[in-house]
Amino acid sequence: MKATATQQQVDIEKLERSREETIEDMEHLRLELRNMAEPSADEADIDAYEREKTFALIQTLERKLDSIKHALRMAQNGTYGICENCSTRIDPARLEILPEATLCLECQRQKERRNRRRF
């Protein structure tokens, strides 16, 4: 079920754009974090909340970047768009919304259920 060379190139270009956008978003948030003023006594709670929120967003983007890099490796070897778990084709609409997806929707749901049970 390998992708054609043309489709493979399109997939790689789409993932590269997503990668670049994610890196830009991370850089913007890191700059924002550096530019946050030192909190005064009255603003400490609000600033701490904003810092924590920004840290959480950066961590989310770092995980997304890791997922994009993984999907890029799959695209380069021609297996992008095929579920890593069950080997079925991932719905193109899912890939359009979430280009870094490497699991079909059903396998993703099962993974999330397993993760919820652990916590």
N, C-alpha and C. Protein backbone atom coordinates (compact mmCIF):
# COMPACT_ATOMS: atom_id res chain seq x y z
N MET A 1 0.82 -1.19 0.00
CA MET A 1 0.00 0.00 0.00
C MET A 1 0.86 1.25 0.00
N LYS A 2 1.96 1.24 -0.70
CA LYS A 2 2.82 2.41 -0.75
C LYS A 2 2.21 3.49 -1.62
N ALA A 3 2.49 4.75 -1.27
CA ALA A 3 1.97 5.90 -2.01
C ALA A 3 2.76 6.08 -3.30
N THR A 4 2.10 6.70 -4.30
CA THR A 4 2.81 7.01 -5.54
C THR A 4 3.84 8.09 -5.24
N ALA A 5 4.83 8.23 -6.13
CA ALA A 5 5.90 9.21 -5.91
C ALA A 5 5.32 10.62 -5.83
N THR A 6 4.35 10.94 -6.67
CA THR A 6 3.74 12.28 -6.66
C THR A 6 3.00 12.52 -5.36
N GLN A 7 2.18 11.57 -4.93
CA GLN A 7 1.44 11.72 -3.67
C GLN A 7 2.39 11.79 -2.50
N GLN A 8 3.44 11.01 -2.55
CA GLN A 8 4.44 11.02 -1.48
C GLN A 8 5.06 12.42 -1.36
N GLN A 9 5.37 13.05 -2.49
CA GLN A 9 5.95 14.40 -2.47
C GLN A 9 4.95 15.41 -1.90
N VAL A 10 3.68 15.29 -2.29
CA VAL A 10 2.63 16.18 -1.76
C VAL A 10 2.52 16.01 -0.24
N ASP A 11 2.53 14.77 0.21
CA ASP A 11 2.45 14.49 1.65
C ASP A 11 3.63 15.12 2.39
N ILE A 12 4.82 14.95 1.84
CA ILE A 12 6.03 15.50 2.47
C ILE A 12 5.95 17.03 2.53
N GLU A 13 5.51 17.65 1.43
CA GLU A 13 5.39 19.11 1.41
C GLU A 13 4.37 19.60 2.44
N LYS A 14 3.24 18.90 2.55
CA LYS A 14 2.22 19.27 3.53
C LYS A 14 2.76 19.15 4.95
N LEU A 15 3.47 18.08 5.22
CA LEU A 15 4.04 17.89 6.56
C LEU A 15 5.13 18.91 6.84
N GLU A 16 5.93 19.24 5.84
CA GLU A 16 6.98 20.25 6.02
C GLU A 16 6.36 21.61 6.35
N ARG A 17 5.26 21.97 5.67
CA ARG A 17 4.57 23.23 5.99
C ARG A 17 4.05 23.21 7.42
N SER A 18 3.46 22.10 7.81
CA SER A 18 2.94 21.96 9.18
C SER A 18 4.08 22.07 10.19
N ARG A 19 5.21 21.46 9.87
CA ARG A 19 6.39 21.51 10.73
C ARG A 19 6.86 22.95 10.89
N GLU A 20 6.97 23.67 9.78
CA GLU A 20 7.42 25.06 9.82
C GLU A 20 6.45 25.94 10.62
N GLU A 21 5.15 25.76 10.42
CA GLU A 21 4.15 26.53 11.16
C GLU A 21 4.25 26.25 12.66
N THR A 22 4.45 25.00 13.01
CA THR A 22 4.56 24.62 14.42
C THR A 22 5.81 25.24 15.04
N ILE A 23 6.92 25.22 14.32
CA ILE A 23 8.16 25.83 14.82
C ILE A 23 7.96 27.33 15.01
N GLU A 24 7.31 27.98 14.05
CA GLU A 24 7.04 29.41 14.17
C GLU A 24 6.17 29.71 15.38
N ASP A 25 5.14 28.89 15.60
CA ASP A 25 4.27 29.08 16.76
C ASP A 25 5.05 28.92 18.06
N MET A 26 5.93 27.92 18.11
CA MET A 26 6.74 27.71 19.31
C MET A 26 7.68 28.88 19.56
N GLU A 27 8.32 29.37 18.50
CA GLU A 27 9.23 30.50 18.64
C GLU A 27 8.48 31.74 19.12
N HIS A 28 7.29 31.95 18.59
CA HIS A 28 6.47 33.09 19.01
C HIS A 28 6.13 32.99 20.50
N LEU A 29 5.72 31.80 20.94
CA LEU A 29 5.37 31.62 22.36
C LEU A 29 6.60 31.77 23.26
N ARG A 30 7.74 31.26 22.81
CA ARG A 30 8.96 31.40 23.62
C ARG A 30 9.36 32.87 23.74
N LEU A 31 9.23 33.61 22.66
CA LEU A 31 9.52 35.03 22.69
C LEU A 31 8.55 35.75 23.64
N GLU A 32 7.29 35.39 23.54
CA GLU A 32 6.27 35.96 24.42
C GLU A 32 6.61 35.69 25.89
N LEU A 33 7.05 34.49 26.16
CA LEU A 33 7.42 34.10 27.52
C LEU A 33 8.60 34.94 28.02
N ARG A 34 9.60 35.12 27.15
CA ARG A 34 10.77 35.93 27.54
C ARG A 34 10.39 37.39 27.78
N ASN A 35 9.40 37.87 27.03
CA ASN A 35 9.02 39.27 27.13
C ASN A 35 8.01 39.56 28.23
N MET A 36 7.55 38.55 28.92
CA MET A 36 6.61 38.79 30.02
C MET A 36 7.33 39.55 31.12
N ALA A 37 6.69 40.60 31.61
CA ALA A 37 7.27 41.43 32.68
C ALA A 37 7.34 40.63 33.97
N GLU A 38 8.29 41.00 34.78
CA GLU A 38 8.36 40.39 36.10
C GLU A 38 7.11 40.79 36.87
N PRO A 39 6.48 39.85 37.53
CA PRO A 39 5.22 40.17 38.22
C PRO A 39 5.43 41.05 39.44
N SER A 40 4.48 41.96 39.63
CA SER A 40 4.45 42.72 40.88
C SER A 40 3.67 41.88 41.89
N ALA A 41 3.61 42.32 43.12
CA ALA A 41 2.90 41.54 44.14
C ALA A 41 1.43 41.36 43.78
N ASP A 42 0.82 42.38 43.20
CA ASP A 42 -0.60 42.31 42.85
C ASP A 42 -0.86 41.44 41.63
N GLU A 43 0.12 41.34 40.77
CA GLU A 43 -0.09 40.63 39.50
C GLU A 43 0.48 39.22 39.51
N ALA A 44 1.08 38.81 40.59
CA ALA A 44 1.79 37.53 40.63
C ALA A 44 0.93 36.36 40.21
N ASP A 45 -0.27 36.26 40.73
CA ASP A 45 -1.13 35.12 40.41
C ASP A 45 -1.51 35.09 38.94
N ILE A 46 -1.86 36.24 38.39
CA ILE A 46 -2.26 36.31 36.98
C ILE A 46 -1.07 35.99 36.09
N ASP A 47 0.10 36.56 36.40
CA ASP A 47 1.29 36.30 35.59
C ASP A 47 1.72 34.84 35.68
N ALA A 48 1.64 34.28 36.86
CA ALA A 48 2.01 32.87 37.01
C ALA A 48 1.09 31.99 36.18
N TYR A 49 -0.20 32.31 36.19
CA TYR A 49 -1.16 31.56 35.39
C TYR A 49 -0.82 31.68 33.90
N GLU A 50 -0.53 32.89 33.44
CA GLU A 50 -0.20 33.11 32.04
C GLU A 50 1.08 32.37 31.64
N ARG A 51 2.08 32.39 32.53
CA ARG A 51 3.33 31.67 32.25
C ARG A 51 3.07 30.17 32.14
N GLU A 52 2.32 29.63 33.09
CA GLU A 52 2.01 28.20 33.07
C GLU A 52 1.24 27.82 31.80
N LYS A 53 0.30 28.66 31.43
CA LYS A 53 -0.48 28.41 30.22
C LYS A 53 0.43 28.41 28.99
N THR A 54 1.35 29.38 28.93
CA THR A 54 2.27 29.46 27.80
C THR A 54 3.21 28.26 27.78
N PHE A 55 3.72 27.85 28.95
CA PHE A 55 4.55 26.64 29.04
C PHE A 55 3.79 25.42 28.52
N ALA A 56 2.54 25.28 28.92
CA ALA A 56 1.73 24.14 28.48
C ALA A 56 1.53 24.16 26.96
N LEU A 57 1.30 25.33 26.40
CA LEU A 57 1.16 25.43 24.95
C LEU A 57 2.45 25.04 24.23
N ILE A 58 3.58 25.47 24.75
CA ILE A 58 4.87 25.11 24.16
C ILE A 58 5.07 23.60 24.22
N GLN A 59 4.74 22.99 25.35
CA GLN A 59 4.89 21.53 25.48
C GLN A 59 3.99 20.80 24.49
N THR A 60 2.78 21.30 24.31
CA THR A 60 1.86 20.69 23.34
C THR A 60 2.44 20.80 21.93
N LEU A 61 2.99 21.95 21.60
CA LEU A 61 3.59 22.13 20.27
C LEU A 61 4.83 21.27 20.10
N GLU A 62 5.60 21.05 21.16
CA GLU A 62 6.76 20.17 21.08
C GLU A 62 6.34 18.73 20.77
N ARG A 63 5.25 18.29 21.40
CA ARG A 63 4.73 16.94 21.11
C ARG A 63 4.22 16.86 19.67
N LYS A 64 3.55 17.93 19.23
CA LYS A 64 3.06 17.97 17.86
C LYS A 64 4.24 17.91 16.89
N LEU A 65 5.29 18.64 17.17
CA LEU A 65 6.47 18.63 16.31
C LEU A 65 7.08 17.23 16.22
N ASP A 66 7.15 16.53 17.35
CA ASP A 66 7.64 15.15 17.35
C ASP A 66 6.74 14.27 16.46
N SER A 67 5.44 14.45 16.55
CA SER A 67 4.50 13.68 15.73
C SER A 67 4.68 13.99 14.25
N ILE A 68 4.90 15.25 13.94
CA ILE A 68 5.12 15.64 12.54
C ILE A 68 6.40 15.01 12.01
N LYS A 69 7.46 15.03 12.80
CA LYS A 69 8.73 14.42 12.38
C LYS A 69 8.54 12.92 12.13
N HIS A 70 7.77 12.28 12.99
CA HIS A 70 7.50 10.84 12.81
C HIS A 70 6.71 10.60 11.52
N ALA A 71 5.69 11.43 11.29
CA ALA A 71 4.88 11.30 10.07
C ALA A 71 5.73 11.58 8.83
N LEU A 72 6.67 12.52 8.93
CA LEU A 72 7.58 12.80 7.81
C LEU A 72 8.43 11.58 7.47
N ARG A 73 8.92 10.90 8.49
CA ARG A 73 9.70 9.68 8.24
C ARG A 73 8.84 8.64 7.53
N MET A 74 7.58 8.54 7.95
CA MET A 74 6.66 7.59 7.29
C MET A 74 6.42 8.01 5.83
N ALA A 75 6.26 9.31 5.59
CA ALA A 75 6.04 9.79 4.23
C ALA A 75 7.26 9.51 3.36
N GLN A 76 8.44 9.66 3.92
CA GLN A 76 9.65 9.44 3.15
C GLN A 76 9.84 7.97 2.78
N ASN A 77 9.30 7.06 3.59
CA ASN A 77 9.42 5.65 3.24
C ASN A 77 8.15 5.11 2.57
N GLY A 78 7.20 6.02 2.29
CA GLY A 78 6.02 5.65 1.51
C GLY A 78 4.87 5.03 2.29
N THR A 79 4.92 5.09 3.61
CA THR A 79 3.84 4.48 4.40
C THR A 79 2.94 5.51 5.07
N TYR A 80 3.09 6.77 4.72
CA TYR A 80 2.25 7.82 5.28
C TYR A 80 0.81 7.59 4.85
N GLY A 81 -0.11 7.77 5.78
CA GLY A 81 -1.53 7.58 5.48
C GLY A 81 -2.02 6.18 5.76
N ILE A 82 -1.13 5.34 6.27
CA ILE A 82 -1.48 3.97 6.62
C ILE A 82 -1.33 3.83 8.14
N CYS A 83 -2.37 3.35 8.78
CA CYS A 83 -2.38 3.23 10.23
C CYS A 83 -1.22 2.33 10.70
N GLU A 84 -0.47 2.85 11.66
CA GLU A 84 0.66 2.08 12.21
C GLU A 84 0.20 0.85 12.98
N ASN A 85 -1.02 0.89 13.47
CA ASN A 85 -1.51 -0.20 14.31
C ASN A 85 -2.17 -1.31 13.49
N CYS A 86 -3.14 -0.94 12.64
CA CYS A 86 -3.93 -1.96 11.95
C CYS A 86 -3.67 -2.02 10.44
N SER A 87 -2.83 -1.14 9.94
CA SER A 87 -2.42 -1.11 8.53
C SER A 87 -3.54 -0.76 7.54
N THR A 88 -4.62 -0.17 8.02
CA THR A 88 -5.66 0.29 7.09
C THR A 88 -5.33 1.72 6.69
N ARG A 89 -5.93 2.16 5.60
CA ARG A 89 -5.72 3.52 5.13
C ARG A 89 -6.41 4.50 6.07
N ILE A 90 -5.70 5.55 6.45
CA ILE A 90 -6.26 6.59 7.31
C ILE A 90 -7.13 7.48 6.43
N ASP A 91 -8.31 7.81 6.92
CA ASP A 91 -9.25 8.64 6.18
C ASP A 91 -8.56 9.94 5.75
N PRO A 92 -8.59 10.27 4.45
CA PRO A 92 -7.95 11.50 3.96
C PRO A 92 -8.47 12.76 4.67
N ALA A 93 -9.74 12.77 5.06
CA ALA A 93 -10.28 13.93 5.79
C ALA A 93 -9.56 14.09 7.13
N ARG A 94 -9.24 12.98 7.79
CA ARG A 94 -8.50 13.03 9.06
C ARG A 94 -7.11 13.60 8.82
N LEU A 95 -6.46 13.16 7.75
CA LEU A 95 -5.12 13.66 7.45
C LEU A 95 -5.13 15.13 7.05
N GLU A 96 -6.22 15.56 6.44
CA GLU A 96 -6.34 16.97 6.07
C GLU A 96 -6.39 17.84 7.33
N ILE A 97 -7.11 17.38 8.33
CA ILE A 97 -7.25 18.13 9.58
C ILE A 97 -6.02 17.96 10.47
N LEU A 98 -5.49 16.74 10.50
CA LEU A 98 -4.39 16.39 11.39
C LEU A 98 -3.31 15.67 10.57
N PRO A 99 -2.50 16.42 9.81
CA PRO A 99 -1.54 15.79 8.90
C PRO A 99 -0.56 14.85 9.58
N GLU A 100 -0.32 15.06 10.87
CA GLU A 100 0.65 14.23 11.57
C GLU A 100 0.07 12.92 12.11
N ALA A 101 -1.21 12.67 11.83
CA ALA A 101 -1.85 11.44 12.31
C ALA A 101 -1.18 10.21 11.71
N THR A 102 -0.88 9.25 12.56
CA THR A 102 -0.30 7.98 12.08
C THR A 102 -1.18 6.79 12.48
N LEU A 103 -2.31 7.09 13.12
CA LEU A 103 -3.27 6.06 13.49
C LEU A 103 -4.63 6.41 12.88
N CYS A 104 -5.38 5.40 12.48
CA CYS A 104 -6.74 5.64 12.02
C CYS A 104 -7.57 6.08 13.23
N LEU A 105 -8.74 6.58 12.98
CA LEU A 105 -9.57 7.11 14.06
C LEU A 105 -9.89 6.05 15.11
N GLU A 106 -10.23 4.85 14.68
CA GLU A 106 -10.58 3.79 15.64
C GLU A 106 -9.37 3.41 16.50
N CYS A 107 -8.21 3.26 15.90
CA CYS A 107 -7.01 2.92 16.69
C CYS A 107 -6.63 4.06 17.63
N GLN A 108 -6.82 5.31 17.20
CA GLN A 108 -6.55 6.45 18.06
C GLN A 108 -7.48 6.45 19.26
N ARG A 109 -8.75 6.15 19.03
CA ARG A 109 -9.71 6.07 20.14
C ARG A 109 -9.31 4.99 21.14
N GLN A 110 -8.91 3.83 20.62
CA GLN A 110 -8.49 2.74 21.51
C GLN A 110 -7.27 3.15 22.33
N LYS A 111 -6.33 3.83 21.69
CA LYS A 111 -5.13 4.29 22.39
C LYS A 111 -5.50 5.27 23.50
N GLU A 112 -6.40 6.21 23.20
CA GLU A 112 -6.82 7.19 24.20
C GLU A 112 -7.56 6.53 25.35
N ARG A 113 -8.38 5.51 25.07
CA ARG A 113 -9.07 4.78 26.15
C ARG A 113 -8.07 4.09 27.05
N ARG A 114 -7.06 3.45 26.46
CA ARG A 114 -6.03 2.78 27.25
C ARG A 114 -5.28 3.79 28.12
N ASN A 115 -4.96 4.95 27.54
CA ASN A 115 -4.24 5.99 28.30
C ASN A 115 -5.08 6.52 29.45
N ARG A 116 -6.39 6.68 29.25
CA ARG A 116 -7.27 7.17 30.32
C ARG A 116 -7.35 6.16 31.46
N ARG A 117 -7.35 4.89 31.13
CA ARG A 117 -7.42 3.85 32.17
C ARG A 117 -6.19 3.84 33.05
N ARG A 118 -5.03 4.20 32.46
CA ARG A 118 -3.78 4.24 33.24
C ARG A 118 -3.80 5.32 34.29
N PHE A 119 -4.52 6.39 34.04
CA PHE A 119 -4.52 7.53 34.98
C PHE A 119 -5.73 7.49 35.78
